[in-house]
Amino acid sequence: MFYLSKAAIPTMGPGGAIINTTSVQAYEPTGQLLAYATTKGAIMTFTKALSELAIEQGIRVNAVAPGPVWTPLIPSTMPREKVKNFGGKDLMKRPAQPAELAPAYVFLASNESSYVTGSVLDMTGGRQLP
């Protein structure tokens, strides 16, 4: 992310947007997902810090923090019982579908979010994040 941003920012003009993907794991890490949670926490911090630097060139930097999302990775990496209850702890009692997250990315890329930078948009199915 560091090198990609370093290469991209000089080619972007004012009004540009960088959108990163973090996770609920950045706020509520699970020991079984230590490496994943650690990187997602770093992405959140990176997003907030880079937003301070990039805004000097008129470039906004934000992130989306999904909670549980139904992807092919879920049934291929979890025991059947966990898959059955995946996302059930959140208020909506289900995981998100990838298409439900897409509008958040479109919003952060659009001019409608021209006053948003350094933010992390929660997409958690109702789970409250700090």
C-alpha atoms as a PDB file:
ATOM      1  CA  MET A   1       0.000   0.000   0.000  1.00  0.00           C
ATOM      2  CA  PHE A   2       2.809   2.363   0.843  1.00  0.00           C
ATOM      3  CA  TYR A   3       4.606   1.934  -2.472  1.00  0.00           C
ATOM      4  CA  LEU A   4       1.409   1.897  -4.509  1.00  0.00           C
ATOM      5  CA  SER A   5       0.227   5.143  -2.910  1.00  0.00           C
ATOM      6  CA  LYS A   6       3.682   6.680  -3.299  1.00  0.00           C
ATOM      7  CA  ALA A   7       3.588   5.883  -7.026  1.00  0.00           C
ATOM      8  CA  ALA A   8      -0.056   6.854  -7.581  1.00  0.00           C
ATOM      9  CA  ILE A   9      -0.303  10.193  -5.791  1.00  0.00           C
ATOM     10  CA  PRO A  10       2.042  12.079  -8.161  1.00  0.00           C
ATOM     11  CA  THR A  11      -0.131  10.969 -11.104  1.00  0.00           C
ATOM     12  CA  MET A  12      -3.414  11.972  -9.461  1.00  0.00           C
ATOM     13  CA  GLY A  13      -4.873  15.426  -9.571  1.00  0.00           C
ATOM     14  CA  PRO A  14      -7.042  17.391  -7.180  1.00  0.00           C
ATOM     15  CA  GLY A  15     -10.340  15.604  -6.621  1.00  0.00           C
ATOM     16  CA  GLY A  16      -8.668  12.197  -6.693  1.00  0.00           C
ATOM     17  CA  ALA A  17      -9.554   9.559  -4.156  1.00  0.00           C
ATOM     18  CA  ILE A  18      -7.756   6.621  -2.600  1.00  0.00           C
ATOM     19  CA  ILE A  19     -10.052   4.054  -0.996  1.00  0.00           C
ATOM     20  CA  ASN A  20      -8.628   1.311   1.179  1.00  0.00           C
ATOM     21  CA  THR A  21     -10.304  -1.743   2.677  1.00  0.00           C
ATOM     22  CA  THR A  22      -9.840  -2.408   6.361  1.00  0.00           C
ATOM     23  CA  SER A  23     -12.119  -4.561   8.530  1.00  0.00           C
ATOM     24  CA  VAL A  24     -14.059  -4.826  11.743  1.00  0.00           C
ATOM     25  CA  GLN A  25     -11.012  -6.882  12.773  1.00  0.00           C
ATOM     26  CA  ALA A  26      -9.048  -3.622  13.030  1.00  0.00           C
ATOM     27  CA  TYR A  27     -11.291  -2.672  15.977  1.00  0.00           C
ATOM     28  CA  GLU A  28     -12.185  -6.068  17.431  1.00  0.00           C
ATOM     29  CA  PRO A  29      -9.316  -8.418  16.577  1.00  0.00           C
ATOM     30  CA  THR A  30      -9.683 -12.165  16.880  1.00  0.00           C
ATOM     31  CA  GLY A  31      -6.669 -14.199  17.957  1.00  0.00           C
ATOM     32  CA  GLN A  32      -7.333 -16.822  15.286  1.00  0.00           C
ATOM     33  CA  LEU A  33      -7.041 -14.060  12.684  1.00  0.00           C
ATOM     34  CA  LEU A  34      -3.912 -12.460  14.148  1.00  0.00           C
ATOM     35  CA  ALA A  35      -2.103 -11.691  10.882  1.00  0.00           C
ATOM     36  CA  TYR A  36      -5.281 -10.528   9.129  1.00  0.00           C
ATOM     37  CA  ALA A  37      -6.415  -8.345  12.044  1.00  0.00           C
ATOM     38  CA  THR A  38      -2.954  -6.813  12.384  1.00  0.00           C
ATOM     39  CA  THR A  39      -2.779  -5.838   8.717  1.00  0.00           C
ATOM     40  CA  LYS A  40      -6.304  -4.427   8.776  1.00  0.00           C
ATOM     41  CA  GLY A  41      -5.377  -2.291  11.799  1.00  0.00           C
ATOM     42  CA  ALA A  42      -2.332  -1.042   9.923  1.00  0.00           C
ATOM     43  CA  ILE A  43      -4.488  -0.188   6.896  1.00  0.00           C
ATOM     44  CA  MET A  44      -6.801   1.879   9.095  1.00  0.00           C
ATOM     45  CA  THR A  45      -3.866   3.795  10.584  1.00  0.00           C
ATOM     46  CA  PHE A  46      -2.236   4.183   7.155  1.00  0.00           C
ATOM     47  CA  THR A  47      -5.481   5.614   5.751  1.00  0.00           C
ATOM     48  CA  LYS A  48      -5.813   8.225   8.472  1.00  0.00           C
ATOM     49  CA  ALA A  49      -2.158   9.292   8.293  1.00  0.00           C
ATOM     50  CA  LEU A  50      -2.007   9.387   4.487  1.00  0.00           C
ATOM     51  CA  SER A  51      -5.157  11.510   4.376  1.00  0.00           C
ATOM     52  CA  GLU A  52      -3.256  14.319   6.123  1.00  0.00           C
ATOM     53  CA  LEU A  53      -0.494  14.228   3.515  1.00  0.00           C
ATOM     54  CA  ALA A  54      -2.538  13.631   0.362  1.00  0.00           C
ATOM     55  CA  ILE A  55      -5.089  16.374   1.021  1.00  0.00           C
ATOM     56  CA  GLU A  56      -2.293  18.887   0.370  1.00  0.00           C
ATOM     57  CA  GLN A  57      -2.618  17.829  -3.302  1.00  0.00           C
ATOM     58  CA  GLY A  58      -6.421  17.747  -3.102  1.00  0.00           C
ATOM     59  CA  ILE A  59      -6.547  13.943  -2.879  1.00  0.00           C
ATOM     60  CA  ARG A  60      -8.891  12.343  -0.373  1.00  0.00           C
ATOM     61  CA  VAL A  61      -8.011   9.083   1.407  1.00  0.00           C
ATOM     62  CA  ASN A  62     -10.687   6.983   3.107  1.00  0.00           C
ATOM     63  CA  ALA A  63     -11.417   3.363   3.923  1.00  0.00           C
ATOM     64  CA  VAL A  64     -14.297   0.932   4.184  1.00  0.00           C
ATOM     65  CA  ALA A  65     -14.425  -1.403   7.206  1.00  0.00           C
ATOM     66  CA  PRO A  66     -16.671  -4.388   6.466  1.00  0.00           C
ATOM     67  CA  GLY A  67     -17.867  -6.808   9.063  1.00  0.00           C
ATOM     68  CA  PRO A  68     -18.659 -10.360   7.962  1.00  0.00           C
ATOM     69  CA  VAL A  69     -19.021 -10.653   4.182  1.00  0.00           C
ATOM     70  CA  TRP A  70     -20.122 -13.774   2.332  1.00  0.00           C
ATOM     71  CA  THR A  71     -17.322 -14.658  -0.085  1.00  0.00           C
ATOM     72  CA  PRO A  72     -16.075 -18.001  -1.473  1.00  0.00           C
ATOM     73  CA  LEU A  73     -13.339 -17.847   1.171  1.00  0.00           C
ATOM     74  CA  ILE A  74     -15.854 -18.398   3.975  1.00  0.00           C
ATOM     75  CA  PRO A  75     -17.029 -21.972   3.217  1.00  0.00           C
ATOM     76  CA  SER A  76     -13.583 -22.989   2.003  1.00  0.00           C
ATOM     77  CA  THR A  77     -11.756 -21.928   5.187  1.00  0.00           C
ATOM     78  CA  MET A  78     -14.216 -22.501   8.029  1.00  0.00           C
ATOM     79  CA  PRO A  79     -15.783 -25.545   9.642  1.00  0.00           C
ATOM     80  CA  ARG A  80     -19.353 -26.197   8.507  1.00  0.00           C
ATOM     81  CA  GLU A  81     -20.849 -25.175  11.883  1.00  0.00           C
ATOM     82  CA  LYS A  82     -19.076 -21.797  11.778  1.00  0.00           C
ATOM     83  CA  VAL A  83     -20.230 -21.241   8.192  1.00  0.00           C
ATOM     84  CA  LYS A  84     -23.806 -21.975   9.252  1.00  0.00           C
ATOM     85  CA  ASN A  85     -23.690 -19.182  11.885  1.00  0.00           C
ATOM     86  CA  PHE A  86     -21.403 -16.780   9.993  1.00  0.00           C
ATOM     87  CA  GLY A  87     -22.533 -13.189  10.582  1.00  0.00           C
ATOM     88  CA  GLY A  88     -25.190 -14.202  13.087  1.00  0.00           C
ATOM     89  CA  LYS A  89     -23.744 -12.128  15.949  1.00  0.00           C
ATOM     90  CA  ASP A  90     -24.464  -8.808  14.257  1.00  0.00           C
ATOM     91  CA  LEU A  91     -27.768  -6.925  14.468  1.00  0.00           C
ATOM     92  CA  MET A  92     -28.779  -7.995  10.964  1.00  0.00           C
ATOM     93  CA  LYS A  93     -28.061 -11.633  11.875  1.00  0.00           C
ATOM     94  CA  ARG A  94     -26.368 -12.336   8.533  1.00  0.00           C
ATOM     95  CA  PRO A  95     -23.219 -11.561   6.580  1.00  0.00           C
ATOM     96  CA  ALA A  96     -23.172  -8.886   3.902  1.00  0.00           C
ATOM     97  CA  GLN A  97     -23.195  -9.745   0.245  1.00  0.00           C
ATOM     98  CA  PRO A  98     -20.294  -8.156  -1.673  1.00  0.00           C
ATOM     99  CA  ALA A  99     -22.756  -6.107  -3.759  1.00  0.00           C
ATOM    100  CA  GLU A 100     -24.018  -4.458  -0.558  1.00  0.00           C
ATOM    101  CA  LEU A 101     -20.569  -2.954   0.025  1.00  0.00           C
ATOM    102  CA  ALA A 102     -20.101  -1.561  -3.478  1.00  0.00           C
ATOM    103  CA  PRO A 103     -22.152   1.631  -2.937  1.00  0.00           C
ATOM    104  CA  ALA A 104     -19.807   2.678  -0.112  1.00  0.00           C
ATOM    105  CA  TYR A 105     -16.829   2.551  -2.472  1.00  0.00           C
ATOM    106  CA  VAL A 106     -18.743   4.409  -5.179  1.00  0.00           C
ATOM    107  CA  PHE A 107     -19.707   7.104  -2.667  1.00  0.00           C
ATOM    108  CA  LEU A 108     -16.118   7.563  -1.467  1.00  0.00           C
ATOM    109  CA  ALA A 109     -14.892   7.770  -5.072  1.00  0.00           C
ATOM    110  CA  SER A 110     -17.557  10.292  -6.111  1.00  0.00           C
ATOM    111  CA  ASN A 111     -17.823  14.052  -5.772  1.00  0.00           C
ATOM    112  CA  GLU A 112     -20.666  13.498  -3.285  1.00  0.00           C
ATOM    113  CA  SER A 113     -17.960  12.713  -0.712  1.00  0.00           C
ATOM    114  CA  SER A 114     -15.816  15.746  -1.548  1.00  0.00           C
ATOM    115  CA  TYR A 115     -15.764  16.780   2.134  1.00  0.00           C
ATOM    116  CA  VAL A 116     -14.786  13.324   3.427  1.00  0.00           C
ATOM    117  CA  THR A 117     -11.172  12.389   4.075  1.00  0.00           C
ATOM    118  CA  GLY A 118      -9.431  10.351   6.747  1.00  0.00           C
ATOM    119  CA  SER A 119     -12.662   8.491   7.450  1.00  0.00           C
ATOM    120  CA  VAL A 120     -13.422   4.821   7.874  1.00  0.00           C
ATOM    121  CA  LEU A 121     -16.932   3.874   6.779  1.00  0.00           C
ATOM    122  CA  ASP A 122     -18.347   1.036   8.887  1.00  0.00           C
ATOM    123  CA  MET A 123     -20.177  -1.677   6.939  1.00  0.00           C
ATOM    124  CA  THR A 124     -20.761  -4.037   9.837  1.00  0.00           C
ATOM    125  CA  GLY A 125     -24.413  -5.084   9.794  1.00  0.00           C
ATOM    126  CA  GLY A 126     -25.073  -2.922  12.838  1.00  0.00           C
ATOM    127  CA  ARG A 127     -22.045  -3.750  14.965  1.00  0.00           C
ATOM    128  CA  GLN A 128     -20.965  -0.550  16.714  1.00  0.00           C
ATOM    129  CA  LEU A 129     -17.313   0.362  16.194  1.00  0.00           C
ATOM    130  CA  PRO A 130     -15.365   3.023  18.080  1.00  0.00           C
END
